[in-house]
Amino acid sequence: MADREGTFEPPVTVALTGASGAQYGLRLIECLTAAGHEVWVMVSKAAHMVIATETDEQLPAQPGRLAEALIARSGARPGQIRCFGREDWLAPVASGSGAPSAMVICPCSTGTLSAVATGASNNLIERAADVALKERRQLILVPREAPLSAVHLEHMLALSRLGAVVLPAAPGFYHRPTSVEALVDFIVARILNQLGIAHTLMPRWGE
C-alpha cells in the first residue's frame, strides 16, 4: 500500500514484448498498482501489435498517452504509472545510477530473450535488462514459446546463471481454474511471489 504521505511503494519496471500473452503483462500492471507500487512501463512495437490482436485494447504508442491509458485502465493514481519510449536513454532504467527497480519482462519474446542473454542493448527494454543484470537487481523473464529450440534453452540457461529468474508462462491446473482469467492470475501470482509482493490472486500451496 502507499504510505501516509501519498508516495508510492518502490517502483517495478514492467516491459511487454512481442510474445503471445499480453494479458499477463497487463494484469501484472493492474496488480502492482493495486499493491501501491509505482510502475515503470515499456511496450515494444511488436507488443502493441500483439495487444491489438489478443485483446480488445487499443493502447497508444506515445509514452505520455500510453501512461494515461494504463492509469485509466488499471485504476491507478495519477503519476503511479510512467511509460518510456524505446530510445528514451534518459529514463531512470537506462543507467545503473538511476533509481533501483526490479524488472519483469512479461511476456518475453525469444528475440528479447536472446538480446538480453547476449547484452545487445539495442533499445531501452534490452538496456534496462542489461542494467538489472550488471547491478545485480532482480530480473524476471516470462517467455511464452513452444516448442523450445536449443538456442532458446541455451539463452535461458545463460540468464539463469547470471542471476535472472526465467518463469515460463505455463500455468498449472491444480487450483482447478474455471476461466482464462484464472490461468492468467496463476502466472501473475507466481511473478508477485518472486517479487515478494503480497496478493490474493490464489492461495499458496498447502493453504
N, C-alpha and C. Protein backbone atom coordinates (compact mmCIF):
# COMPACT_ATOMS: atom_id res chain seq x y z
N MET A 1 0.84 -1.20 0.00
CA MET A 1 0.00 0.00 0.00
C MET A 1 0.88 1.25 0.00
N ALA A 2 0.34 2.37 -0.51
CA ALA A 2 1.07 3.62 -0.47
C ALA A 2 1.15 4.11 0.97
N ASP A 3 2.21 4.88 1.30
CA ASP A 3 2.36 5.32 2.67
C ASP A 3 1.47 6.54 2.95
N ARG A 4 1.54 7.02 4.19
CA ARG A 4 0.62 8.07 4.61
C ARG A 4 0.86 9.38 3.88
N GLU A 5 2.07 9.61 3.41
CA GLU A 5 2.37 10.86 2.71
C GLU A 5 1.90 10.82 1.26
N GLY A 6 1.37 9.67 0.82
CA GLY A 6 0.83 9.61 -0.53
C GLY A 6 1.84 9.19 -1.57
N THR A 7 3.08 8.89 -1.17
CA THR A 7 4.05 8.40 -2.12
C THR A 7 3.78 6.93 -2.40
N PHE A 8 4.50 6.38 -3.39
CA PHE A 8 4.25 5.00 -3.79
C PHE A 8 5.31 4.07 -3.23
N GLU A 9 4.97 2.79 -3.22
CA GLU A 9 5.95 1.76 -2.90
C GLU A 9 7.03 1.75 -3.99
N PRO A 10 8.19 1.11 -3.73
CA PRO A 10 9.29 1.15 -4.71
C PRO A 10 8.84 0.75 -6.11
N PRO A 11 9.41 1.41 -7.12
CA PRO A 11 8.99 1.12 -8.49
C PRO A 11 9.36 -0.28 -8.95
N VAL A 12 8.52 -0.81 -9.81
CA VAL A 12 8.80 -2.07 -10.50
C VAL A 12 8.70 -1.78 -11.99
N THR A 13 9.71 -2.18 -12.74
CA THR A 13 9.71 -1.98 -14.19
C THR A 13 9.05 -3.18 -14.85
N VAL A 14 8.09 -2.91 -15.74
CA VAL A 14 7.41 -3.96 -16.49
C VAL A 14 7.56 -3.66 -17.97
N ALA A 15 8.12 -4.62 -18.71
CA ALA A 15 8.28 -4.49 -20.15
C ALA A 15 7.44 -5.55 -20.84
N LEU A 16 6.65 -5.14 -21.81
CA LEU A 16 5.87 -6.06 -22.63
C LEU A 16 6.53 -6.14 -23.99
N THR A 17 6.85 -7.35 -24.44
CA THR A 17 7.46 -7.52 -25.76
C THR A 17 6.55 -8.39 -26.63
N GLY A 18 7.04 -8.78 -27.79
CA GLY A 18 6.18 -9.32 -28.83
C GLY A 18 5.78 -10.77 -28.75
N ALA A 19 5.91 -11.42 -27.62
CA ALA A 19 5.42 -12.79 -27.48
C ALA A 19 3.93 -12.78 -27.23
N SER A 20 3.28 -13.89 -27.52
CA SER A 20 1.88 -14.05 -27.15
C SER A 20 1.76 -14.04 -25.63
N GLY A 21 0.64 -13.54 -25.13
CA GLY A 21 0.44 -13.49 -23.68
C GLY A 21 0.46 -12.09 -23.13
N ALA A 22 0.01 -11.12 -23.94
CA ALA A 22 -0.05 -9.73 -23.46
C ALA A 22 -0.89 -9.61 -22.21
N GLN A 23 -1.88 -10.50 -22.06
CA GLN A 23 -2.76 -10.45 -20.89
C GLN A 23 -1.98 -10.57 -19.58
N TYR A 24 -0.91 -11.35 -19.59
CA TYR A 24 -0.10 -11.50 -18.38
C TYR A 24 0.50 -10.15 -17.95
N GLY A 25 1.09 -9.45 -18.90
CA GLY A 25 1.72 -8.18 -18.58
C GLY A 25 0.72 -7.13 -18.15
N LEU A 26 -0.41 -7.05 -18.83
CA LEU A 26 -1.42 -6.06 -18.48
C LEU A 26 -2.00 -6.34 -17.09
N ARG A 27 -2.23 -7.59 -16.79
CA ARG A 27 -2.75 -7.96 -15.47
C ARG A 27 -1.71 -7.69 -14.39
N LEU A 28 -0.44 -7.92 -14.68
CA LEU A 28 0.62 -7.65 -13.72
C LEU A 28 0.64 -6.17 -13.37
N ILE A 29 0.50 -5.30 -14.37
CA ILE A 29 0.47 -3.86 -14.11
C ILE A 29 -0.68 -3.51 -13.18
N GLU A 30 -1.85 -4.09 -13.41
CA GLU A 30 -3.00 -3.85 -12.55
C GLU A 30 -2.70 -4.24 -11.10
N CYS A 31 -2.10 -5.41 -10.93
CA CYS A 31 -1.84 -5.91 -9.58
C CYS A 31 -0.77 -5.10 -8.86
N LEU A 32 0.24 -4.67 -9.58
CA LEU A 32 1.29 -3.87 -8.97
C LEU A 32 0.77 -2.51 -8.52
N THR A 33 -0.06 -1.88 -9.33
CA THR A 33 -0.62 -0.59 -8.93
C THR A 33 -1.59 -0.76 -7.76
N ALA A 34 -2.35 -1.86 -7.77
CA ALA A 34 -3.26 -2.12 -6.65
C ALA A 34 -2.50 -2.32 -5.35
N ALA A 35 -1.28 -2.84 -5.46
CA ALA A 35 -0.44 -3.04 -4.27
C ALA A 35 0.28 -1.77 -3.85
N GLY A 36 0.06 -0.68 -4.58
CA GLY A 36 0.63 0.60 -4.19
C GLY A 36 1.97 0.94 -4.80
N HIS A 37 2.47 0.10 -5.71
CA HIS A 37 3.78 0.34 -6.31
C HIS A 37 3.70 1.30 -7.49
N GLU A 38 4.74 2.11 -7.62
CA GLU A 38 4.92 2.85 -8.87
C GLU A 38 5.35 1.84 -9.93
N VAL A 39 4.88 2.00 -11.15
CA VAL A 39 5.20 1.05 -12.21
C VAL A 39 5.77 1.81 -13.40
N TRP A 40 6.96 1.39 -13.81
CA TRP A 40 7.60 1.96 -15.00
C TRP A 40 7.38 0.98 -16.15
N VAL A 41 6.77 1.45 -17.21
CA VAL A 41 6.32 0.56 -18.28
C VAL A 41 7.01 0.88 -19.60
N MET A 42 7.39 -0.20 -20.29
CA MET A 42 7.89 -0.10 -21.66
C MET A 42 7.15 -1.14 -22.51
N VAL A 43 6.69 -0.72 -23.67
CA VAL A 43 5.94 -1.61 -24.55
C VAL A 43 6.60 -1.56 -25.94
N SER A 44 7.07 -2.70 -26.42
CA SER A 44 7.72 -2.72 -27.72
C SER A 44 6.70 -2.56 -28.84
N LYS A 45 7.18 -2.23 -30.04
CA LYS A 45 6.30 -2.09 -31.20
C LYS A 45 5.56 -3.39 -31.47
N ALA A 46 6.27 -4.52 -31.38
CA ALA A 46 5.65 -5.82 -31.60
C ALA A 46 4.60 -6.11 -30.53
N ALA A 47 4.86 -5.67 -29.30
CA ALA A 47 3.90 -5.90 -28.22
C ALA A 47 2.59 -5.15 -28.49
N HIS A 48 2.69 -3.95 -29.04
CA HIS A 48 1.48 -3.21 -29.40
C HIS A 48 0.64 -4.02 -30.39
N MET A 49 1.30 -4.66 -31.34
CA MET A 49 0.59 -5.48 -32.32
C MET A 49 -0.06 -6.69 -31.64
N VAL A 50 0.66 -7.31 -30.72
CA VAL A 50 0.12 -8.47 -30.01
C VAL A 50 -1.09 -8.06 -29.17
N ILE A 51 -0.98 -6.94 -28.47
CA ILE A 51 -2.09 -6.46 -27.63
C ILE A 51 -3.34 -6.23 -28.48
N ALA A 52 -3.16 -5.60 -29.64
CA ALA A 52 -4.30 -5.34 -30.52
C ALA A 52 -4.89 -6.63 -31.07
N THR A 53 -4.05 -7.66 -31.24
CA THR A 53 -4.51 -8.94 -31.78
C THR A 53 -5.20 -9.80 -30.73
N GLU A 54 -4.62 -9.83 -29.52
CA GLU A 54 -5.10 -10.76 -28.49
C GLU A 54 -6.17 -10.18 -27.57
N THR A 55 -6.31 -8.87 -27.57
CA THR A 55 -7.27 -8.23 -26.66
C THR A 55 -8.11 -7.21 -27.42
N ASP A 56 -9.03 -6.60 -26.72
CA ASP A 56 -9.83 -5.52 -27.29
C ASP A 56 -9.20 -4.15 -27.03
N GLU A 57 -7.99 -4.16 -26.48
CA GLU A 57 -7.30 -2.91 -26.15
C GLU A 57 -6.72 -2.26 -27.40
N GLN A 58 -6.74 -0.94 -27.43
CA GLN A 58 -6.07 -0.16 -28.46
C GLN A 58 -5.22 0.88 -27.73
N LEU A 59 -4.06 0.45 -27.27
CA LEU A 59 -3.22 1.33 -26.46
C LEU A 59 -2.37 2.23 -27.35
N PRO A 60 -2.30 3.51 -27.03
CA PRO A 60 -1.49 4.43 -27.84
C PRO A 60 -0.01 4.14 -27.69
N ALA A 61 0.77 4.50 -28.69
CA ALA A 61 2.21 4.24 -28.67
C ALA A 61 2.98 5.35 -27.97
N GLN A 62 2.49 6.59 -28.03
CA GLN A 62 3.19 7.71 -27.43
C GLN A 62 3.23 7.54 -25.92
N PRO A 63 4.41 7.62 -25.29
CA PRO A 63 4.54 7.28 -23.87
C PRO A 63 3.60 8.00 -22.94
N GLY A 64 3.43 9.30 -23.12
CA GLY A 64 2.55 10.05 -22.24
C GLY A 64 1.11 9.60 -22.34
N ARG A 65 0.64 9.40 -23.55
CA ARG A 65 -0.74 8.95 -23.74
C ARG A 65 -0.91 7.50 -23.29
N LEU A 66 0.15 6.70 -23.47
CA LEU A 66 0.10 5.31 -23.01
C LEU A 66 -0.04 5.27 -21.49
N ALA A 67 0.71 6.11 -20.79
CA ALA A 67 0.61 6.15 -19.34
C ALA A 67 -0.81 6.53 -18.91
N GLU A 68 -1.39 7.51 -19.57
CA GLU A 68 -2.76 7.92 -19.24
C GLU A 68 -3.73 6.77 -19.45
N ALA A 69 -3.56 6.05 -20.56
CA ALA A 69 -4.46 4.93 -20.87
C ALA A 69 -4.32 3.81 -19.84
N LEU A 70 -3.08 3.50 -19.44
CA LEU A 70 -2.86 2.44 -18.46
C LEU A 70 -3.36 2.83 -17.07
N ILE A 71 -3.21 4.10 -16.73
CA ILE A 71 -3.74 4.59 -15.45
C ILE A 71 -5.25 4.45 -15.42
N ALA A 72 -5.90 4.86 -16.50
CA ALA A 72 -7.35 4.74 -16.58
C ALA A 72 -7.79 3.28 -16.56
N ARG A 73 -7.04 2.43 -17.25
CA ARG A 73 -7.40 1.02 -17.35
C ARG A 73 -7.27 0.30 -16.02
N SER A 74 -6.23 0.63 -15.26
CA SER A 74 -5.92 -0.09 -14.02
C SER A 74 -6.50 0.55 -12.77
N GLY A 75 -7.02 1.77 -12.91
CA GLY A 75 -7.49 2.48 -11.74
C GLY A 75 -6.37 3.01 -10.88
N ALA A 76 -5.19 3.17 -11.47
CA ALA A 76 -4.04 3.68 -10.73
C ALA A 76 -4.21 5.16 -10.42
N ARG A 77 -3.41 5.64 -9.49
CA ARG A 77 -3.44 7.05 -9.13
C ARG A 77 -2.60 7.86 -10.12
N PRO A 78 -2.88 9.16 -10.26
CA PRO A 78 -2.09 9.99 -11.16
C PRO A 78 -0.60 9.89 -10.84
N GLY A 79 0.20 9.67 -11.85
CA GLY A 79 1.64 9.58 -11.66
C GLY A 79 2.15 8.23 -11.22
N GLN A 80 1.24 7.29 -10.97
CA GLN A 80 1.68 5.98 -10.48
C GLN A 80 2.30 5.13 -11.59
N ILE A 81 1.90 5.38 -12.83
CA ILE A 81 2.47 4.66 -13.97
C ILE A 81 3.23 5.65 -14.84
N ARG A 82 4.48 5.32 -15.14
CA ARG A 82 5.30 6.11 -16.06
C ARG A 82 5.71 5.22 -17.23
N CYS A 83 5.62 5.74 -18.43
CA CYS A 83 5.97 4.96 -19.62
C CYS A 83 7.15 5.61 -20.34
N PHE A 84 7.98 4.77 -20.95
CA PHE A 84 9.17 5.24 -21.63
C PHE A 84 9.22 4.66 -23.04
N GLY A 85 9.72 5.44 -23.99
CA GLY A 85 9.87 5.00 -25.37
C GLY A 85 11.10 4.14 -25.57
N ARG A 86 11.18 3.50 -26.74
CA ARG A 86 12.24 2.53 -26.99
C ARG A 86 13.63 3.14 -27.00
N GLU A 87 13.75 4.46 -27.22
CA GLU A 87 15.06 5.11 -27.24
C GLU A 87 15.13 6.27 -26.26
N ASP A 88 14.42 6.15 -25.17
CA ASP A 88 14.44 7.18 -24.13
C ASP A 88 15.62 6.90 -23.20
N TRP A 89 16.80 7.27 -23.67
CA TRP A 89 18.03 6.92 -22.94
C TRP A 89 18.22 7.72 -21.66
N LEU A 90 17.35 8.72 -21.41
CA LEU A 90 17.42 9.47 -20.15
C LEU A 90 16.48 8.90 -19.09
N ALA A 91 15.77 7.83 -19.43
CA ALA A 91 14.90 7.18 -18.45
C ALA A 91 15.73 6.60 -17.32
N PRO A 92 15.21 6.56 -16.10
CA PRO A 92 15.99 6.04 -14.97
C PRO A 92 16.44 4.60 -15.15
N VAL A 93 15.69 3.82 -15.93
CA VAL A 93 16.05 2.41 -16.11
C VAL A 93 17.26 2.23 -17.03
N ALA A 94 17.71 3.31 -17.69
CA ALA A 94 18.79 3.21 -18.67
C ALA A 94 20.17 3.23 -18.04
N SER A 95 20.24 3.51 -16.75
CA SER A 95 21.54 3.64 -16.10
C SER A 95 21.54 3.01 -14.73
N GLY A 96 22.68 2.45 -14.36
CA GLY A 96 22.83 1.87 -13.03
C GLY A 96 22.76 2.92 -11.94
N SER A 97 22.97 4.20 -12.27
CA SER A 97 22.87 5.26 -11.28
C SER A 97 21.44 5.75 -11.10
N GLY A 98 20.51 5.21 -11.90
CA GLY A 98 19.10 5.55 -11.73
C GLY A 98 18.53 4.84 -10.51
N ALA A 99 17.29 5.18 -10.20
CA ALA A 99 16.66 4.56 -9.03
C ALA A 99 16.58 3.05 -9.22
N PRO A 100 16.93 2.27 -8.20
CA PRO A 100 16.88 0.81 -8.33
C PRO A 100 15.45 0.33 -8.52
N SER A 101 15.30 -0.67 -9.34
CA SER A 101 13.97 -1.21 -9.60
C SER A 101 14.08 -2.65 -10.03
N ALA A 102 13.22 -3.51 -9.48
CA ALA A 102 13.10 -4.85 -10.02
C ALA A 102 12.49 -4.73 -11.41
N MET A 103 12.79 -5.70 -12.28
CA MET A 103 12.29 -5.64 -13.66
C MET A 103 11.67 -6.97 -14.05
N VAL A 104 10.52 -6.88 -14.72
CA VAL A 104 9.84 -8.06 -15.23
C VAL A 104 9.57 -7.84 -16.72
N ILE A 105 10.02 -8.77 -17.55
CA ILE A 105 9.70 -8.74 -18.98
C ILE A 105 8.60 -9.76 -19.19
N CYS A 106 7.39 -9.27 -19.43
CA CYS A 106 6.21 -10.14 -19.40
C CYS A 106 5.15 -9.64 -20.39
N PRO A 107 4.94 -10.36 -21.49
CA PRO A 107 5.66 -11.57 -21.89
C PRO A 107 7.02 -11.21 -22.50
N CYS A 108 7.89 -12.21 -22.55
CA CYS A 108 9.23 -12.01 -23.10
C CYS A 108 9.36 -12.81 -24.39
N SER A 109 9.55 -12.12 -25.50
CA SER A 109 9.75 -12.82 -26.77
C SER A 109 11.10 -13.50 -26.78
N THR A 110 11.26 -14.49 -27.64
CA THR A 110 12.56 -15.17 -27.73
C THR A 110 13.61 -14.24 -28.32
N GLY A 111 13.18 -13.26 -29.10
CA GLY A 111 14.13 -12.27 -29.60
C GLY A 111 14.68 -11.42 -28.47
N THR A 112 13.80 -10.98 -27.56
CA THR A 112 14.24 -10.22 -26.40
C THR A 112 15.10 -11.09 -25.49
N LEU A 113 14.69 -12.33 -25.32
CA LEU A 113 15.47 -13.28 -24.51
C LEU A 113 16.90 -13.36 -25.03
N SER A 114 17.05 -13.50 -26.34
CA SER A 114 18.36 -13.58 -26.97
C SER A 114 19.16 -12.31 -26.75
N ALA A 115 18.50 -11.16 -26.95
CA ALA A 115 19.20 -9.88 -26.81
C ALA A 115 19.69 -9.66 -25.39
N VAL A 116 18.86 -10.01 -24.41
CA VAL A 116 19.26 -9.82 -23.01
C VAL A 116 20.39 -10.78 -22.65
N ALA A 117 20.30 -12.01 -23.13
CA ALA A 117 21.33 -13.01 -22.81
C ALA A 117 22.68 -12.64 -23.38
N THR A 118 22.69 -11.90 -24.49
CA THR A 118 23.94 -11.55 -25.16
C THR A 118 24.35 -10.10 -24.95
N GLY A 119 23.56 -9.36 -24.14
CA GLY A 119 23.92 -7.97 -23.84
C GLY A 119 23.79 -7.02 -25.01
N ALA A 120 22.82 -7.26 -25.89
CA ALA A 120 22.71 -6.46 -27.11
C ALA A 120 22.42 -4.99 -26.84
N SER A 121 21.46 -4.69 -25.96
CA SER A 121 21.11 -3.32 -25.58
C SER A 121 20.81 -2.42 -26.77
N ASN A 122 20.04 -2.91 -27.72
CA ASN A 122 19.70 -2.13 -28.91
C ASN A 122 18.52 -1.19 -28.69
N ASN A 123 17.78 -1.36 -27.60
CA ASN A 123 16.68 -0.47 -27.28
C ASN A 123 16.57 -0.37 -25.77
N LEU A 124 15.63 0.44 -25.27
CA LEU A 124 15.57 0.70 -23.84
C LEU A 124 15.21 -0.54 -23.04
N ILE A 125 14.34 -1.40 -23.57
CA ILE A 125 13.99 -2.62 -22.84
C ILE A 125 15.23 -3.48 -22.63
N GLU A 126 15.99 -3.68 -23.70
CA GLU A 126 17.19 -4.50 -23.60
C GLU A 126 18.23 -3.85 -22.69
N ARG A 127 18.37 -2.53 -22.78
CA ARG A 127 19.32 -1.83 -21.93
C ARG A 127 18.91 -1.91 -20.46
N ALA A 128 17.61 -1.76 -20.19
CA ALA A 128 17.14 -1.83 -18.80
C ALA A 128 17.42 -3.20 -18.21
N ALA A 129 17.24 -4.25 -19.01
CA ALA A 129 17.53 -5.60 -18.53
C ALA A 129 19.02 -5.77 -18.30
N ASP A 130 19.84 -5.19 -19.18
CA ASP A 130 21.29 -5.25 -19.03
C ASP A 130 21.72 -4.57 -17.74
N VAL A 131 21.09 -3.42 -17.44
CA VAL A 131 21.37 -2.70 -16.19
C VAL A 131 20.99 -3.56 -14.99
N ALA A 132 19.83 -4.21 -15.06
CA ALA A 132 19.40 -5.06 -13.95
C ALA A 132 20.41 -6.16 -13.68
N LEU A 133 20.93 -6.75 -14.73
CA LEU A 133 21.91 -7.83 -14.58
C LEU A 133 23.23 -7.30 -14.00
N LYS A 134 23.73 -6.22 -14.55
CA LYS A 134 25.04 -5.75 -14.11
C LYS A 134 25.01 -5.17 -12.71
N GLU A 135 23.84 -4.65 -12.31
CA GLU A 135 23.70 -4.09 -10.97
C GLU A 135 23.20 -5.12 -9.96
N ARG A 136 23.06 -6.37 -10.41
CA ARG A 136 22.59 -7.46 -9.56
C ARG A 136 21.21 -7.18 -8.98
N ARG A 137 20.35 -6.57 -9.81
CA ARG A 137 18.97 -6.33 -9.41
C ARG A 137 18.09 -7.47 -9.89
N GLN A 138 16.91 -7.55 -9.36
CA GLN A 138 16.00 -8.64 -9.70
C GLN A 138 15.50 -8.48 -11.13
N LEU A 139 15.66 -9.55 -11.91
CA LEU A 139 15.19 -9.58 -13.29
C LEU A 139 14.41 -10.87 -13.52
N ILE A 140 13.16 -10.74 -13.93
CA ILE A 140 12.29 -11.89 -14.17
C ILE A 140 11.86 -11.84 -15.63
N LEU A 141 12.06 -12.95 -16.34
CA LEU A 141 11.65 -13.04 -17.74
C LEU A 141 10.56 -14.10 -17.86
N VAL A 142 9.49 -13.75 -18.57
CA VAL A 142 8.33 -14.64 -18.71
C VAL A 142 8.15 -15.00 -20.18
N PRO A 143 8.91 -16.00 -20.67
CA PRO A 143 8.79 -16.38 -22.08
C PRO A 143 7.53 -17.21 -22.33
N ARG A 144 7.01 -17.11 -23.55
CA ARG A 144 5.86 -17.93 -23.95
C ARG A 144 6.15 -18.40 -25.38
N GLU A 145 6.69 -19.59 -25.47
CA GLU A 145 7.07 -20.16 -26.77
C GLU A 145 6.99 -21.67 -26.68
N ALA A 146 6.62 -22.32 -27.77
CA ALA A 146 6.58 -23.79 -27.80
C ALA A 146 6.61 -24.26 -29.25
N PRO A 147 7.45 -25.25 -29.55
CA PRO A 147 8.45 -25.85 -28.67
C PRO A 147 9.66 -24.93 -28.53
N LEU A 148 10.54 -25.28 -27.62
CA LEU A 148 11.75 -24.51 -27.38
C LEU A 148 12.92 -25.15 -28.11
N SER A 149 13.67 -24.34 -28.85
CA SER A 149 14.86 -24.86 -29.52
C SER A 149 16.04 -24.85 -28.58
N ALA A 150 17.13 -25.46 -29.00
CA ALA A 150 18.35 -25.45 -28.19
C ALA A 150 18.85 -24.02 -27.99
N VAL A 151 18.64 -23.17 -28.99
CA VAL A 151 19.04 -21.76 -28.86
C VAL A 151 18.29 -21.10 -27.71
N HIS A 152 16.96 -21.30 -27.67
CA HIS A 152 16.17 -20.72 -26.58
C HIS A 152 16.63 -21.24 -25.23
N LEU A 153 16.84 -22.53 -25.14
CA LEU A 153 17.23 -23.15 -23.87
C LEU A 153 18.60 -22.68 -23.41
N GLU A 154 19.52 -22.52 -24.36
CA GLU A 154 20.86 -22.03 -24.01
C GLU A 154 20.80 -20.60 -23.49
N HIS A 155 19.95 -19.78 -24.08
CA HIS A 155 19.81 -18.40 -23.61
C HIS A 155 19.18 -18.38 -22.21
N MET A 156 18.19 -19.24 -21.98
CA MET A 156 17.58 -19.31 -20.66
C MET A 156 18.59 -19.77 -19.61
N LEU A 157 19.41 -20.75 -19.96
CA LEU A 157 20.43 -21.22 -19.03
C LEU A 157 21.44 -20.12 -18.73
N ALA A 158 21.85 -19.40 -19.76
CA ALA A 158 22.81 -18.30 -19.56
C ALA A 158 22.23 -17.24 -18.62
N LEU A 159 20.96 -16.90 -18.82
CA LEU A 159 20.34 -15.88 -17.98
C LEU A 159 20.18 -16.37 -16.54
N SER A 160 19.82 -17.63 -16.38
CA SER A 160 19.70 -18.19 -15.04
C SER A 160 21.04 -18.15 -14.31
N ARG A 161 22.10 -18.46 -15.02
CA ARG A 161 23.43 -18.41 -14.43
C ARG A 161 23.85 -16.99 -14.06
N LEU A 162 23.28 -16.01 -14.76
CA LEU A 162 23.58 -14.61 -14.47
C LEU A 162 22.73 -14.06 -13.32
N GLY A 163 21.82 -14.88 -12.81
CA GLY A 163 21.01 -14.46 -11.67
C GLY A 163 19.58 -14.09 -11.99
N ALA A 164 19.22 -14.12 -13.28
CA ALA A 164 17.83 -13.81 -13.64
C ALA A 164 16.93 -15.01 -13.33
N VAL A 165 15.65 -14.74 -13.19
CA VAL A 165 14.65 -15.79 -13.00
C VAL A 165 13.91 -15.97 -14.31
N VAL A 166 13.92 -17.18 -14.84
CA VAL A 166 13.15 -17.50 -16.05
C VAL A 166 11.88 -18.20 -15.60
N LEU A 167 10.74 -17.53 -15.82
CA LEU A 167 9.46 -18.00 -15.31
C LEU A 167 8.52 -18.18 -16.51
N PRO A 168 8.53 -19.34 -17.15
CA PRO A 168 7.71 -19.53 -18.36
C PRO A 168 6.23 -19.35 -18.08
N ALA A 169 5.53 -18.84 -19.06
CA ALA A 169 4.07 -18.66 -18.95
C ALA A 169 3.40 -20.01 -19.17
N ALA A 170 3.52 -20.88 -18.15
CA ALA A 170 2.97 -22.23 -18.21
C ALA A 170 2.11 -22.45 -16.98
N PRO A 171 0.84 -22.01 -17.02
CA PRO A 171 0.01 -22.09 -15.82
C PRO A 171 -0.30 -23.52 -15.40
N GLY A 172 -0.42 -23.72 -14.10
CA GLY A 172 -0.81 -25.01 -13.57
C GLY A 172 -2.32 -25.14 -13.51
N PHE A 173 -2.77 -26.34 -13.15
CA PHE A 173 -4.21 -26.60 -13.12
C PHE A 173 -4.66 -27.19 -11.78
N TYR A 174 -3.74 -27.27 -10.81
CA TYR A 174 -4.11 -27.89 -9.54
C TYR A 174 -5.10 -27.05 -8.75
N HIS A 175 -5.25 -25.76 -9.11
CA HIS A 175 -6.25 -24.92 -8.44
C HIS A 175 -7.60 -24.97 -9.16
N ARG A 176 -7.70 -25.85 -10.17
CA ARG A 176 -8.93 -26.08 -10.92
C ARG A 176 -9.51 -24.78 -11.49
N PRO A 177 -8.78 -24.14 -12.39
CA PRO A 177 -9.27 -22.88 -12.96
C PRO A 177 -10.54 -23.09 -13.78
N THR A 178 -11.42 -22.11 -13.72
CA THR A 178 -12.67 -22.18 -14.48
C THR A 178 -12.79 -21.05 -15.50
N SER A 179 -11.71 -20.30 -15.68
CA SER A 179 -11.73 -19.19 -16.64
C SER A 179 -10.33 -18.91 -17.13
N VAL A 180 -10.25 -18.21 -18.26
CA VAL A 180 -8.95 -17.77 -18.77
C VAL A 180 -8.30 -16.83 -17.76
N GLU A 181 -9.10 -15.99 -17.13
CA GLU A 181 -8.56 -15.04 -16.15
C GLU A 181 -7.86 -15.77 -15.00
N ALA A 182 -8.39 -16.92 -14.60
CA ALA A 182 -7.75 -17.68 -13.52
C ALA A 182 -6.40 -18.23 -13.95
N LEU A 183 -6.28 -18.60 -15.22
CA LEU A 183 -4.99 -19.07 -15.74
C LEU A 183 -3.98 -17.93 -15.79
N VAL A 184 -4.44 -16.76 -16.20
CA VAL A 184 -3.57 -15.59 -16.22
C VAL A 184 -3.11 -15.27 -14.80
N ASP A 185 -4.05 -15.27 -13.86
CA ASP A 185 -3.71 -14.94 -12.48
C ASP A 185 -2.72 -15.93 -11.86
N PHE A 186 -2.74 -17.18 -12.32
CA PHE A 186 -1.78 -18.16 -11.82
C PHE A 186 -0.35 -17.69 -12.07
N ILE A 187 -0.09 -17.25 -13.29
CA ILE A 187 1.27 -16.79 -13.63
C ILE A 187 1.59 -15.48 -12.95
N VAL A 188 0.64 -14.56 -12.92
CA VAL A 188 0.88 -13.27 -12.27
C VAL A 188 1.15 -13.48 -10.79
N ALA A 189 0.46 -14.42 -10.17
CA ALA A 189 0.70 -14.72 -8.76
C ALA A 189 2.13 -15.21 -8.55
N ARG A 190 2.61 -16.05 -9.47
CA ARG A 190 3.99 -16.55 -9.35
C ARG A 190 5.01 -15.41 -9.48
N ILE A 191 4.71 -14.46 -10.35
CA ILE A 191 5.60 -13.30 -10.50
C ILE A 191 5.60 -12.47 -9.23
N LEU A 192 4.42 -12.21 -8.69
CA LEU A 192 4.32 -11.43 -7.45
C LEU A 192 5.02 -12.14 -6.30
N ASN A 193 4.93 -13.46 -6.26
CA ASN A 193 5.66 -14.22 -5.23
C ASN A 193 7.16 -13.98 -5.34
N GLN A 194 7.67 -14.00 -6.56
CA GLN A 194 9.10 -13.76 -6.78
C GLN A 194 9.51 -12.36 -6.33
N LEU A 195 8.61 -11.40 -6.53
CA LEU A 195 8.89 -10.01 -6.15
C LEU A 195 8.68 -9.77 -4.65
N GLY A 196 8.10 -10.74 -3.97
CA GLY A 196 7.83 -10.57 -2.55
C GLY A 196 6.67 -9.63 -2.26
N ILE A 197 5.72 -9.57 -3.19
CA ILE A 197 4.57 -8.67 -3.06
C ILE A 197 3.33 -9.50 -2.70
N ALA A 198 2.68 -9.14 -1.62
CA ALA A 198 1.51 -9.88 -1.16
C ALA A 198 0.36 -9.73 -2.16
N HIS A 199 -0.44 -10.78 -2.27
CA HIS A 199 -1.59 -10.77 -3.19
C HIS A 199 -2.62 -11.77 -2.71
N THR A 200 -3.79 -11.69 -3.32
CA THR A 200 -4.87 -12.63 -3.01
C THR A 200 -5.36 -13.30 -4.29
N LEU A 201 -4.53 -13.40 -5.30
CA LEU A 201 -4.94 -13.97 -6.56
C LEU A 201 -5.26 -15.44 -6.44
N MET A 202 -4.49 -16.13 -5.62
CA MET A 202 -4.73 -17.54 -5.39
C MET A 202 -3.96 -17.96 -4.15
N PRO A 203 -4.42 -18.98 -3.45
CA PRO A 203 -3.71 -19.40 -2.23
C PRO A 203 -2.38 -20.07 -2.59
N ARG A 204 -1.43 -19.95 -1.68
CA ARG A 204 -0.17 -20.67 -1.83
C ARG A 204 -0.41 -22.16 -1.60
N TRP A 205 0.50 -22.97 -2.11
CA TRP A 205 0.39 -24.41 -1.96
C TRP A 205 0.29 -24.78 -0.48
N GLY A 206 -0.71 -25.61 -0.15
CA GLY A 206 -0.88 -26.05 1.22
C GLY A 206 -1.80 -25.18 2.04
N GLU A 207 -2.17 -24.01 1.51
CA GLU A 207 -3.06 -23.13 2.26
C GLU A 207 -4.51 -23.53 2.04
